[in-house]
Amino acid sequence: MRLDTFGFGRDFRALAGTDPRAFTWLPAKRTFITVLERDAGRRVGYVAVVHLAERHLHPRLVQVEYGDDVDHVRAVPMPDGRVVLVTGDKAQFFEL
Protein backbone atom coordinates (compact mmCIF):
# COMPACT_ATOMS: atom_id res chain seq x y z
CA MET A 1 0.00 0.00 0.00
CA ARG A 2 1.38 3.41 -0.94
CA LEU A 3 1.50 5.66 2.10
CA ASP A 4 3.13 8.80 0.72
CA THR A 5 5.30 10.13 -2.11
CA PHE A 6 7.67 13.02 -2.53
CA GLY A 7 10.25 14.30 -4.97
CA PHE A 8 13.45 16.24 -4.60
CA GLY A 9 13.07 18.14 -7.85
CA ARG A 10 14.23 17.95 -11.44
CA ASP A 11 17.84 18.84 -10.67
CA PHE A 12 18.39 15.83 -8.37
CA ARG A 13 19.26 12.24 -9.29
CA ALA A 14 19.24 9.33 -6.83
CA LEU A 15 22.46 7.33 -7.15
CA ALA A 16 20.76 4.18 -5.85
CA GLY A 17 19.27 3.77 -9.33
CA THR A 18 22.70 2.67 -10.58
CA ASP A 19 24.45 1.69 -7.32
CA PRO A 20 22.45 -0.07 -4.58
CA ARG A 21 25.16 0.81 -2.01
CA ALA A 22 23.84 4.39 -2.17
CA PHE A 23 20.68 3.29 -0.30
CA THR A 24 20.54 2.32 3.38
CA TRP A 25 17.40 1.15 5.20
CA LEU A 26 17.29 1.43 9.00
CA PRO A 27 14.22 -0.61 10.00
CA ALA A 28 14.40 0.10 13.75
CA LYS A 29 14.28 3.84 13.03
CA ARG A 30 11.82 3.53 10.10
CA THR A 31 14.30 5.63 8.14
CA PHE A 32 16.19 5.33 4.89
CA ILE A 33 19.25 7.21 3.73
CA THR A 34 20.04 7.67 0.07
CA VAL A 35 22.70 9.57 -1.82
CA LEU A 36 21.56 12.20 -4.33
CA GLU A 37 23.49 14.30 -6.78
CA ARG A 38 22.67 17.69 -8.19
CA ASP A 39 24.46 19.09 -11.20
CA ALA A 40 23.99 22.83 -11.34
CA GLY A 41 27.23 23.74 -13.08
CA ARG A 42 29.14 21.77 -10.46
CA ARG A 43 28.33 18.28 -9.23
CA VAL A 44 27.18 18.38 -5.60
CA GLY A 45 26.31 15.37 -3.42
CA TYR A 46 23.63 15.21 -0.78
CA VAL A 47 22.43 12.64 1.70
CA ALA A 48 18.67 12.41 1.95
CA VAL A 49 17.44 11.17 5.32
CA VAL A 50 13.81 10.12 5.00
CA HIS A 51 11.83 9.09 8.05
CA LEU A 52 8.44 7.35 7.94
CA ALA A 53 6.16 8.59 10.72
CA GLU A 54 2.40 8.62 10.99
CA ARG A 55 1.99 7.32 7.42
CA HIS A 56 4.01 10.20 5.92
CA LEU A 57 7.56 10.59 4.65
CA HIS A 58 9.65 13.32 6.26
CA PRO A 59 12.75 14.09 4.15
CA ARG A 60 15.82 16.10 5.13
CA LEU A 61 18.71 16.95 2.78
CA VAL A 62 22.31 17.35 3.93
CA GLN A 63 25.00 18.54 1.52
CA VAL A 64 28.06 16.27 1.90
CA GLU A 65 30.45 16.21 -1.09
CA TYR A 66 31.52 17.68 -4.44
CA GLY A 67 32.73 16.42 -7.83
CA ASP A 68 33.72 12.79 -8.38
CA ASP A 69 33.77 12.14 -4.63
CA VAL A 70 29.96 12.07 -4.72
CA ASP A 71 30.23 8.49 -6.03
CA HIS A 72 32.00 7.40 -2.83
CA VAL A 73 29.41 8.59 -0.30
CA ARG A 74 27.97 5.76 1.81
CA ALA A 75 25.88 5.50 4.97
CA VAL A 76 27.01 2.50 7.03
CA PRO A 77 24.75 1.31 9.87
CA MET A 78 26.57 0.20 13.03
CA PRO A 79 25.34 -2.55 15.40
CA ASP A 80 24.66 0.01 18.15
CA GLY A 81 22.18 1.93 15.94
CA ARG A 82 24.48 4.78 14.97
CA VAL A 83 25.33 5.51 11.33
CA VAL A 84 28.77 6.28 9.91
CA LEU A 85 28.82 8.58 6.90
CA VAL A 86 31.73 7.77 4.59
CA THR A 87 32.71 10.45 2.07
CA GLY A 88 35.63 10.76 -0.33
CA ASP A 89 38.27 11.41 2.33
CA LYS A 90 36.72 10.84 5.78
CA ALA A 91 34.31 8.88 7.91
CA GLN A 92 32.25 10.32 10.76
CA PHE A 93 29.19 9.53 12.82
CA PHE A 94 26.07 10.97 11.22
CA GLU A 95 23.19 12.40 13.24
CA LEU A 96 19.82 11.21 12.05
PDB file of N, CA and C in Angstrom:
ATOM      1  N   MET A   1       0.847  -1.164   0.000  1.00  0.00           N
ATOM      2  CA  MET A   1       0.000   0.000   0.000  1.00  0.00           C
ATOM      3  C   MET A   1       0.898   1.234   0.000  1.00  0.00           C
ATOM      4  N   ARG A   2       0.651   2.142  -0.890  1.00  0.00           N
ATOM      5  CA  ARG A   2       1.384   3.406  -0.943  1.00  0.00           C
ATOM      6  C   ARG A   2       0.891   4.307   0.177  1.00  0.00           C
ATOM      7  N   LEU A   3       1.842   4.786   0.990  1.00  0.00           N
ATOM      8  CA  LEU A   3       1.501   5.665   2.097  1.00  0.00           C
ATOM      9  C   LEU A   3       1.712   7.129   1.754  1.00  0.00           C
ATOM     10  N   ASP A   4       2.799   7.415   1.013  1.00  0.00           N
ATOM     11  CA  ASP A   4       3.133   8.800   0.722  1.00  0.00           C
ATOM     12  C   ASP A   4       4.144   8.818  -0.418  1.00  0.00           C
ATOM     13  N   THR A   5       4.279   9.936  -1.078  1.00  0.00           N
ATOM     14  CA  THR A   5       5.295  10.128  -2.106  1.00  0.00           C
ATOM     15  C   THR A   5       5.879  11.529  -1.962  1.00  0.00           C
ATOM     16  N   PHE A   6       7.057  11.700  -2.501  1.00  0.00           N
ATOM     17  CA  PHE A   6       7.668  13.022  -2.534  1.00  0.00           C
ATOM     18  C   PHE A   6       8.741  13.009  -3.613  1.00  0.00           C
ATOM     19  N   GLY A   7       9.177  14.175  -3.998  1.00  0.00           N
ATOM     20  CA  GLY A   7      10.251  14.295  -4.973  1.00  0.00           C
ATOM     21  C   GLY A   7      11.217  15.377  -4.527  1.00  0.00           C
ATOM     22  N   PHE A   8      12.454  15.249  -4.962  1.00  0.00           N
ATOM     23  CA  PHE A   8      13.450  16.240  -4.599  1.00  0.00           C
ATOM     24  C   PHE A   8      13.599  17.324  -5.656  1.00  0.00           C
ATOM     25  N   GLY A   9      12.994  17.132  -6.793  1.00  0.00           N
ATOM     26  CA  GLY A   9      13.068  18.140  -7.847  1.00  0.00           C
ATOM     27  C   GLY A   9      13.810  17.629  -9.065  1.00  0.00           C
ATOM     28  N   ARG A  10      13.672  18.359 -10.147  1.00  0.00           N
ATOM     29  CA  ARG A  10      14.227  17.947 -11.441  1.00  0.00           C
ATOM     30  C   ARG A  10      15.746  17.920 -11.459  1.00  0.00           C
ATOM     31  N   ASP A  11      16.384  18.730 -10.650  1.00  0.00           N
ATOM     32  CA  ASP A  11      17.842  18.835 -10.669  1.00  0.00           C
ATOM     33  C   ASP A  11      18.542  17.697  -9.930  1.00  0.00           C
ATOM     34  N   PHE A  12      17.791  16.887  -9.190  1.00  0.00           N
ATOM     35  CA  PHE A  12      18.387  15.833  -8.375  1.00  0.00           C
ATOM     36  C   PHE A  12      18.255  14.465  -9.046  1.00  0.00           C
ATOM     37  N   ARG A  13      19.275  13.626  -8.800  1.00  0.00           N
ATOM     38  CA  ARG A  13      19.262  12.243  -9.287  1.00  0.00           C
ATOM     39  C   ARG A  13      19.693  11.345  -8.139  1.00  0.00           C
ATOM     40  N   ALA A  14      18.912  10.300  -7.879  1.00  0.00           N
ATOM     41  CA  ALA A  14      19.241   9.330  -6.835  1.00  0.00           C
ATOM     42  C   ALA A  14      20.274   8.349  -7.376  1.00  0.00           C
ATOM     43  N   LEU A  15      21.401   8.228  -6.697  1.00  0.00           N
ATOM     44  CA  LEU A  15      22.459   7.331  -7.155  1.00  0.00           C
ATOM     45  C   LEU A  15      22.123   5.867  -6.938  1.00  0.00           C
ATOM     46  N   ALA A  16      21.153   5.567  -6.085  1.00  0.00           N
ATOM     47  CA  ALA A  16      20.763   4.179  -5.847  1.00  0.00           C
ATOM     48  C   ALA A  16      20.186   3.530  -7.105  1.00  0.00           C
ATOM     49  N   GLY A  17      19.773   4.323  -8.080  1.00  0.00           N
ATOM     50  CA  GLY A  17      19.269   3.770  -9.334  1.00  0.00           C
ATOM     51  C   GLY A  17      20.336   3.026 -10.117  1.00  0.00           C
ATOM     52  N   THR A  18      21.598   3.352  -9.888  1.00  0.00           N
ATOM     53  CA  THR A  18      22.703   2.672 -10.579  1.00  0.00           C
ATOM     54  C   THR A  18      23.665   1.991  -9.608  1.00  0.00           C
ATOM     55  N   ASP A  19      23.571   2.291  -8.314  1.00  0.00           N
ATOM     56  CA  ASP A  19      24.449   1.687  -7.316  1.00  0.00           C
ATOM     57  C   ASP A  19      23.663   1.453  -6.030  1.00  0.00           C
ATOM     58  N   PRO A  20      23.280   0.203  -5.760  1.00  0.00           N
ATOM     59  CA  PRO A  20      22.452  -0.067  -4.576  1.00  0.00           C
ATOM     60  C   PRO A  20      23.141   0.266  -3.256  1.00  0.00           C
ATOM     61  N   ARG A  21      24.459   0.435  -3.245  1.00  0.00           N
ATOM     62  CA  ARG A  21      25.165   0.814  -2.010  1.00  0.00           C
ATOM     63  C   ARG A  21      24.855   2.252  -1.609  1.00  0.00           C
ATOM     64  N   ALA A  22      24.200   3.002  -2.468  1.00  0.00           N
ATOM     65  CA  ALA A  22      23.839   4.386  -2.174  1.00  0.00           C
ATOM     66  C   ALA A  22      22.490   4.482  -1.462  1.00  0.00           C
ATOM     67  N   PHE A  23      21.958   3.334  -1.018  1.00  0.00           N
ATOM     68  CA  PHE A  23      20.679   3.291  -0.302  1.00  0.00           C
ATOM     69  C   PHE A  23      20.867   2.471   0.967  1.00  0.00           C
ATOM     70  N   THR A  24      20.441   3.017   2.096  1.00  0.00           N
ATOM     71  CA  THR A  24      20.543   2.316   3.381  1.00  0.00           C
ATOM     72  C   THR A  24      19.203   2.388   4.088  1.00  0.00           C
ATOM     73  N   TRP A  25      18.678   1.220   4.468  1.00  0.00           N
ATOM     74  CA  TRP A  25      17.404   1.145   5.196  1.00  0.00           C
ATOM     75  C   TRP A  25      17.715   0.844   6.655  1.00  0.00           C
ATOM     76  N   LEU A  26      17.126   1.604   7.564  1.00  0.00           N
ATOM     77  CA  LEU A  26      17.292   1.430   9.000  1.00  0.00           C
ATOM     78  C   LEU A  26      15.929   1.067   9.590  1.00  0.00           C
ATOM     79  N   PRO A  27      15.581  -0.224   9.606  1.00  0.00           N
ATOM     80  CA  PRO A  27      14.221  -0.614   9.999  1.00  0.00           C
ATOM     81  C   PRO A  27      13.832  -0.201  11.419  1.00  0.00           C
ATOM     82  N   ALA A  28      14.740  -0.260  12.372  1.00  0.00           N
ATOM     83  CA  ALA A  28      14.403   0.098  13.749  1.00  0.00           C
ATOM     84  C   ALA A  28      14.033   1.572  13.881  1.00  0.00           C
ATOM     85  N   LYS A  29      14.564   2.403  12.998  1.00  0.00           N
ATOM     86  CA  LYS A  29      14.276   3.839  13.030  1.00  0.00           C
ATOM     87  C   LYS A  29      13.239   4.253  11.983  1.00  0.00           C
ATOM     88  N   ARG A  30      12.762   3.268  11.197  1.00  0.00           N
ATOM     89  CA  ARG A  30      11.816   3.533  10.102  1.00  0.00           C
ATOM     90  C   ARG A  30      12.332   4.684   9.225  1.00  0.00           C
ATOM     91  N   THR A  31      13.595   4.578   8.858  1.00  0.00           N
ATOM     92  CA  THR A  31      14.296   5.630   8.137  1.00  0.00           C
ATOM     93  C   THR A  31      15.138   5.028   7.032  1.00  0.00           C
ATOM     94  N   PHE A  32      15.206   5.724   5.891  1.00  0.00           N
ATOM     95  CA  PHE A  32      16.189   5.334   4.893  1.00  0.00           C
ATOM     96  C   PHE A  32      17.066   6.530   4.559  1.00  0.00           C
ATOM     97  N   ILE A  33      18.267   6.204   4.132  1.00  0.00           N
ATOM     98  CA  ILE A  33      19.251   7.208   3.730  1.00  0.00           C
ATOM     99  C   ILE A  33      19.650   6.884   2.309  1.00  0.00           C
ATOM    100  N   THR A  34      19.625   7.877   1.449  1.00  0.00           N
ATOM    101  CA  THR A  34      20.040   7.666   0.074  1.00  0.00           C
ATOM    102  C   THR A  34      20.899   8.841  -0.375  1.00  0.00           C
ATOM    103  N   VAL A  35      21.796   8.550  -1.303  1.00  0.00           N
ATOM    104  CA  VAL A  35      22.697   9.572  -1.824  1.00  0.00           C
ATOM    105  C   VAL A  35      22.086  10.172  -3.089  1.00  0.00           C
ATOM    106  N   LEU A  36      22.076  11.481  -3.166  1.00  0.00           N
ATOM    107  CA  LEU A  36      21.562  12.203  -4.329  1.00  0.00           C
ATOM    108  C   LEU A  36      22.682  13.062  -4.903  1.00  0.00           C
ATOM    109  N   GLU A  37      22.582  13.342  -6.188  1.00  0.00           N
ATOM    110  CA  GLU A  37      23.495  14.305  -6.779  1.00  0.00           C
ATOM    111  C   GLU A  37      22.686  15.385  -7.472  1.00  0.00           C
ATOM    112  N   ARG A  38      23.277  16.552  -7.493  1.00  0.00           N
ATOM    113  CA  ARG A  38      22.667  17.687  -8.187  1.00  0.00           C
ATOM    114  C   ARG A  38      23.766  18.310  -9.040  1.00  0.00           C
ATOM    115  N   ASP A  39      23.468  18.495 -10.308  1.00  0.00           N
ATOM    116  CA  ASP A  39      24.461  19.085 -11.201  1.00  0.00           C
ATOM    117  C   ASP A  39      23.937  20.433 -11.668  1.00  0.00           C
ATOM    118  N   ALA A  40      24.386  21.468 -10.995  1.00  0.00           N
ATOM    119  CA  ALA A  40      23.988  22.832 -11.343  1.00  0.00           C
ATOM    120  C   ALA A  40      25.255  23.606 -11.688  1.00  0.00           C
ATOM    121  N   GLY A  41      25.955  23.139 -12.712  1.00  0.00           N
ATOM    122  CA  GLY A  41      27.226  23.736 -13.080  1.00  0.00           C
ATOM    123  C   GLY A  41      28.392  23.070 -12.384  1.00  0.00           C
ATOM    124  N   ARG A  42      28.142  22.516 -11.223  1.00  0.00           N
ATOM    125  CA  ARG A  42      29.137  21.770 -10.456  1.00  0.00           C
ATOM    126  C   ARG A  42      28.404  20.628  -9.760  1.00  0.00           C
ATOM    127  N   ARG A  43      28.965  19.455  -9.833  1.00  0.00           N
ATOM    128  CA  ARG A  43      28.333  18.280  -9.231  1.00  0.00           C
ATOM    129  C   ARG A  43      28.425  18.368  -7.704  1.00  0.00           C
ATOM    130  N   VAL A  44      27.261  18.287  -7.051  1.00  0.00           N
ATOM    131  CA  VAL A  44      27.177  18.381  -5.596  1.00  0.00           C
ATOM    132  C   VAL A  44      26.426  17.158  -5.081  1.00  0.00           C
ATOM    133  N   GLY A  45      26.943  16.543  -4.015  1.00  0.00           N
ATOM    134  CA  GLY A  45      26.312  15.373  -3.423  1.00  0.00           C
ATOM    135  C   GLY A  45      25.571  15.712  -2.152  1.00  0.00           C
ATOM    136  N   TYR A  46      24.457  15.040  -1.971  1.00  0.00           N
ATOM    137  CA  TYR A  46      23.625  15.210  -0.782  1.00  0.00           C
ATOM    138  C   TYR A  46      23.282  13.844  -0.217  1.00  0.00           C
ATOM    139  N   VAL A  47      23.018  13.809   1.068  1.00  0.00           N
ATOM    140  CA  VAL A  47      22.431  12.639   1.700  1.00  0.00           C
ATOM    141  C   VAL A  47      21.005  13.028   2.048  1.00  0.00           C
ATOM    142  N   ALA A  48      20.073  12.203   1.596  1.00  0.00           N
ATOM    143  CA  ALA A  48      18.673  12.408   1.954  1.00  0.00           C
ATOM    144  C   ALA A  48      18.342  11.428   3.077  1.00  0.00           C
ATOM    145  N   VAL A  49      17.893  11.964   4.186  1.00  0.00           N
ATOM    146  CA  VAL A  49      17.445  11.165   5.318  1.00  0.00           C
ATOM    147  C   VAL A  49      15.925  11.253   5.311  1.00  0.00           C
ATOM    148  N   VAL A  50      15.273  10.121   5.126  1.00  0.00           N
ATOM    149  CA  VAL A  50      13.809  10.123   4.996  1.00  0.00           C
ATOM    150  C   VAL A  50      13.225   9.210   6.066  1.00  0.00           C
ATOM    151  N   HIS A  51      12.435   9.805   6.927  1.00  0.00           N
ATOM    152  CA  HIS A  51      11.831   9.092   8.053  1.00  0.00           C
ATOM    153  C   HIS A  51      10.344   8.880   7.786  1.00  0.00           C
ATOM    154  N   LEU A  52       9.866   7.675   8.066  1.00  0.00           N
ATOM    155  CA  LEU A  52       8.444   7.354   7.936  1.00  0.00           C
ATOM    156  C   LEU A  52       7.801   7.459   9.310  1.00  0.00           C
ATOM    157  N   ALA A  53       6.868   8.402   9.450  1.00  0.00           N
ATOM    158  CA  ALA A  53       6.161   8.594  10.715  1.00  0.00           C
ATOM    159  C   ALA A  53       4.723   8.971  10.421  1.00  0.00           C
ATOM    160  N   GLU A  54       3.822   8.329  11.118  1.00  0.00           N
ATOM    161  CA  GLU A  54       2.397   8.620  10.990  1.00  0.00           C
ATOM    162  C   GLU A  54       1.940   8.600   9.536  1.00  0.00           C
ATOM    163  N   ARG A  55       2.403   7.578   8.803  1.00  0.00           N
ATOM    164  CA  ARG A  55       1.995   7.320   7.417  1.00  0.00           C
ATOM    165  C   ARG A  55       2.458   8.391   6.430  1.00  0.00           C
ATOM    166  N   HIS A  56       3.464   9.182   6.808  1.00  0.00           N
ATOM    167  CA  HIS A  56       4.006  10.199   5.915  1.00  0.00           C
ATOM    168  C   HIS A  56       5.521  10.139   5.916  1.00  0.00           C
ATOM    169  N   LEU A  57       6.113  10.530   4.792  1.00  0.00           N
ATOM    170  CA  LEU A  57       7.557  10.589   4.651  1.00  0.00           C
ATOM    171  C   LEU A  57       8.038  11.995   5.003  1.00  0.00           C
ATOM    172  N   HIS A  58       9.091  12.052   5.810  1.00  0.00           N
ATOM    173  CA  HIS A  58       9.649  13.325   6.262  1.00  0.00           C
ATOM    174  C   HIS A  58      11.111  13.390   5.815  1.00  0.00           C
ATOM    175  N   PRO A  59      11.381  14.047   4.669  1.00  0.00           N
ATOM    176  CA  PRO A  59      12.754  14.086   4.149  1.00  0.00           C
ATOM    177  C   PRO A  59      13.557  15.270   4.692  1.00  0.00           C
ATOM    178  N   ARG A  60      14.866  15.053   4.764  1.00  0.00           N
ATOM    179  CA  ARG A  60      15.820  16.103   5.135  1.00  0.00           C
ATOM    180  C   ARG A  60      17.049  15.923   4.250  1.00  0.00           C
ATOM    181  N   LEU A  61      17.523  16.992   3.638  1.00  0.00           N
ATOM    182  CA  LEU A  61      18.709  16.950   2.780  1.00  0.00           C
ATOM    183  C   LEU A  61      19.912  17.549   3.501  1.00  0.00           C
ATOM    184  N   VAL A  62      21.063  16.868   3.353  1.00  0.00           N
ATOM    185  CA  VAL A  62      22.312  17.354   3.930  1.00  0.00           C
ATOM    186  C   VAL A  62      23.365  17.329   2.826  1.00  0.00           C
ATOM    187  N   GLN A  63      23.941  18.467   2.528  1.00  0.00           N
ATOM    188  CA  GLN A  63      25.000  18.535   1.521  1.00  0.00           C
ATOM    189  C   GLN A  63      26.260  17.914   2.106  1.00  0.00           C
ATOM    190  N   VAL A  64      26.926  16.997   1.328  1.00  0.00           N
ATOM    191  CA  VAL A  64      28.057  16.270   1.898  1.00  0.00           C
ATOM    192  C   VAL A  64      29.328  16.246   1.054  1.00  0.00           C
ATOM    193  N   GLU A  65      29.256  16.430  -0.261  1.00  0.00           N
ATOM    194  CA  GLU A  65      30.447  16.212  -1.087  1.00  0.00           C
ATOM    195  C   GLU A  65      30.339  16.950  -2.414  1.00  0.00           C
ATOM    196  N   TYR A  66      31.459  17.010  -3.145  1.00  0.00           N
ATOM    197  CA  TYR A  66      31.517  17.677  -4.444  1.00  0.00           C
ATOM    198  C   TYR A  66      32.244  16.799  -5.458  1.00  0.00           C
ATOM    199  N   GLY A  67      31.982  17.049  -6.744  1.00  0.00           N
ATOM    200  CA  GLY A  67      32.729  16.417  -7.835  1.00  0.00           C
ATOM    201  C   GLY A  67      32.628  14.903  -7.848  1.00  0.00           C
ATOM    202  N   ASP A  68      33.720  14.243  -8.259  1.00  0.00           N
ATOM    203  CA  ASP A  68      33.724  12.790  -8.379  1.00  0.00           C
ATOM    204  C   ASP A  68      33.591  12.075  -7.039  1.00  0.00           C
ATOM    205  N   ASP A  69      33.891  12.760  -5.944  1.00  0.00           N
ATOM    206  CA  ASP A  69      33.767  12.142  -4.627  1.00  0.00           C
ATOM    207  C   ASP A  69      32.318  11.812  -4.270  1.00  0.00           C
ATOM    208  N   VAL A  70      31.370  12.379  -4.966  1.00  0.00           N
ATOM    209  CA  VAL A  70      29.956  12.073  -4.717  1.00  0.00           C
ATOM    210  C   VAL A  70      29.715  10.577  -4.876  1.00  0.00           C
ATOM    211  N   ASP A  71      30.408   9.925  -5.796  1.00  0.00           N
ATOM    212  CA  ASP A  71      30.228   8.492  -6.033  1.00  0.00           C
ATOM    213  C   ASP A  71      30.683   7.624  -4.869  1.00  0.00           C
ATOM    214  N   HIS A  72      31.446   8.177  -3.945  1.00  0.00           N
ATOM    215  CA  HIS A  72      32.000   7.401  -2.833  1.00  0.00           C
ATOM    216  C   HIS A  72      31.243   7.584  -1.522  1.00  0.00           C
ATOM    217  N   VAL A  73      30.182   8.338  -1.524  1.00  0.00           N
ATOM    218  CA  VAL A  73      29.410   8.589  -0.299  1.00  0.00           C
ATOM    219  C   VAL A  73      28.589   7.341   0.045  1.00  0.00           C
ATOM    220  N   ARG A  74      28.713   6.913   1.308  1.00  0.00           N
ATOM    221  CA  ARG A  74      27.967   5.762   1.810  1.00  0.00           C
ATOM    222  C   ARG A  74      27.508   6.041   3.232  1.00  0.00           C
ATOM    223  N   ALA A  75      26.366   5.492   3.597  1.00  0.00           N
ATOM    224  CA  ALA A  75      25.885   5.499   4.975  1.00  0.00           C
ATOM    225  C   ALA A  75      25.979   4.056   5.468  1.00  0.00           C
ATOM    226  N   VAL A  76      26.749   3.853   6.527  1.00  0.00           N
ATOM    227  CA  VAL A  76      27.008   2.502   7.028  1.00  0.00           C
ATOM    228  C   VAL A  76      26.382   2.365   8.420  1.00  0.00           C
ATOM    229  N   PRO A  77      25.363   1.498   8.557  1.00  0.00           N
ATOM    230  CA  PRO A  77      24.754   1.314   9.871  1.00  0.00           C
ATOM    231  C   PRO A  77      25.671   0.492  10.778  1.00  0.00           C
ATOM    232  N   MET A  78      25.759   0.900  12.036  1.00  0.00           N
ATOM    233  CA  MET A  78      26.568   0.204  13.031  1.00  0.00           C
ATOM    234  C   MET A  78      25.654  -0.633  13.913  1.00  0.00           C
ATOM    235  N   PRO A  79      26.185  -1.686  14.549  1.00  0.00           N
ATOM    236  CA  PRO A  79      25.345  -2.546  15.395  1.00  0.00           C
ATOM    237  C   PRO A  79      24.667  -1.821  16.552  1.00  0.00           C
ATOM    238  N   ASP A  80      25.248  -0.718  17.018  1.00  0.00           N
ATOM    239  CA  ASP A  80      24.657   0.009  18.146  1.00  0.00           C
ATOM    240  C   ASP A  80      23.584   1.016  17.723  1.00  0.00           C
ATOM    241  N   GLY A  81      23.240   1.046  16.425  1.00  0.00           N
ATOM    242  CA  GLY A  81      22.178   1.928  15.935  1.00  0.00           C
ATOM    243  C   GLY A  81      22.667   3.235  15.346  1.00  0.00           C
ATOM    244  N   ARG A  82      23.936   3.571  15.568  1.00  0.00           N
ATOM    245  CA  ARG A  82      24.482   4.781  14.965  1.00  0.00           C
ATOM    246  C   ARG A  82      24.805   4.527  13.493  1.00  0.00           C
ATOM    247  N   VAL A  83      25.007   5.601  12.758  1.00  0.00           N
ATOM    248  CA  VAL A  83      25.330   5.513  11.332  1.00  0.00           C
ATOM    249  C   VAL A  83      26.633   6.257  11.089  1.00  0.00           C
ATOM    250  N   VAL A  84      27.530   5.630  10.320  1.00  0.00           N
ATOM    251  CA  VAL A  84      28.770   6.279   9.914  1.00  0.00           C
ATOM    252  C   VAL A  84      28.586   6.752   8.481  1.00  0.00           C
ATOM    253  N   LEU A  85      28.878   8.022   8.240  1.00  0.00           N
ATOM    254  CA  LEU A  85      28.824   8.577   6.899  1.00  0.00           C
ATOM    255  C   LEU A  85      30.246   8.577   6.346  1.00  0.00           C
ATOM    256  N   VAL A  86      30.435   7.858   5.243  1.00  0.00           N
ATOM    257  CA  VAL A  86      31.732   7.768   4.586  1.00  0.00           C
ATOM    258  C   VAL A  86      31.669   8.644   3.348  1.00  0.00           C
ATOM    259  N   THR A  87      32.623   9.585   3.248  1.00  0.00           N
ATOM    260  CA  THR A  87      32.715  10.447   2.070  1.00  0.00           C
ATOM    261  C   THR A  87      34.057  10.190   1.407  1.00  0.00           C
ATOM    262  N   GLY A  88      34.414  10.994   0.443  1.00  0.00           N
ATOM    263  CA  GLY A  88      35.630  10.764  -0.326  1.00  0.00           C
ATOM    264  C   GLY A  88      36.890  10.648   0.494  1.00  0.00           C
ATOM    265  N   ASP A  89      37.012  11.418   1.590  1.00  0.00           N
ATOM    266  CA  ASP A  89      38.269  11.406   2.334  1.00  0.00           C
ATOM    267  C   ASP A  89      38.108  11.255   3.842  1.00  0.00           C
ATOM    268  N   LYS A  90      36.894  10.976   4.334  1.00  0.00           N
ATOM    269  CA  LYS A  90      36.723  10.842   5.777  1.00  0.00           C
ATOM    270  C   LYS A  90      35.507   9.988   6.113  1.00  0.00           C
ATOM    271  N   ALA A  91      35.450   9.606   7.387  1.00  0.00           N
ATOM    272  CA  ALA A  91      34.306   8.883   7.912  1.00  0.00           C
ATOM    273  C   ALA A  91      33.969   9.511   9.260  1.00  0.00           C
ATOM    274  N   GLN A  92      32.680   9.716   9.504  1.00  0.00           N
ATOM    275  CA  GLN A  92      32.254  10.320  10.765  1.00  0.00           C
ATOM    276  C   GLN A  92      30.861   9.842  11.104  1.00  0.00           C
ATOM    277  N   PHE A  93      30.543   9.889  12.413  1.00  0.00           N
ATOM    278  CA  PHE A  93      29.190   9.526  12.821  1.00  0.00           C
ATOM    279  C   PHE A  93      28.227  10.585  12.287  1.00  0.00           C
ATOM    280  N   PHE A  94      27.059  10.116  11.870  1.00  0.00           N
ATOM    281  CA  PHE A  94      26.065  10.974  11.224  1.00  0.00           C
ATOM    282  C   PHE A  94      24.821  11.026  12.092  1.00  0.00           C
ATOM    283  N   GLU A  95      24.397  12.220  12.435  1.00  0.00           N
ATOM    284  CA  GLU A  95      23.189  12.400  13.244  1.00  0.00           C
ATOM    285  C   GLU A  95      21.953  12.240  12.373  1.00  0.00           C
ATOM    286  N   LEU A  96      21.063  11.386  12.791  1.00  0.00           N
ATOM    287  CA  LEU A  96      19.819  11.209  12.046  1.00  0.00           C
ATOM    288  C   LEU A  96      18.815  12.226  12.533  1.00  0.00           C
TER     289      LEU A  96
END
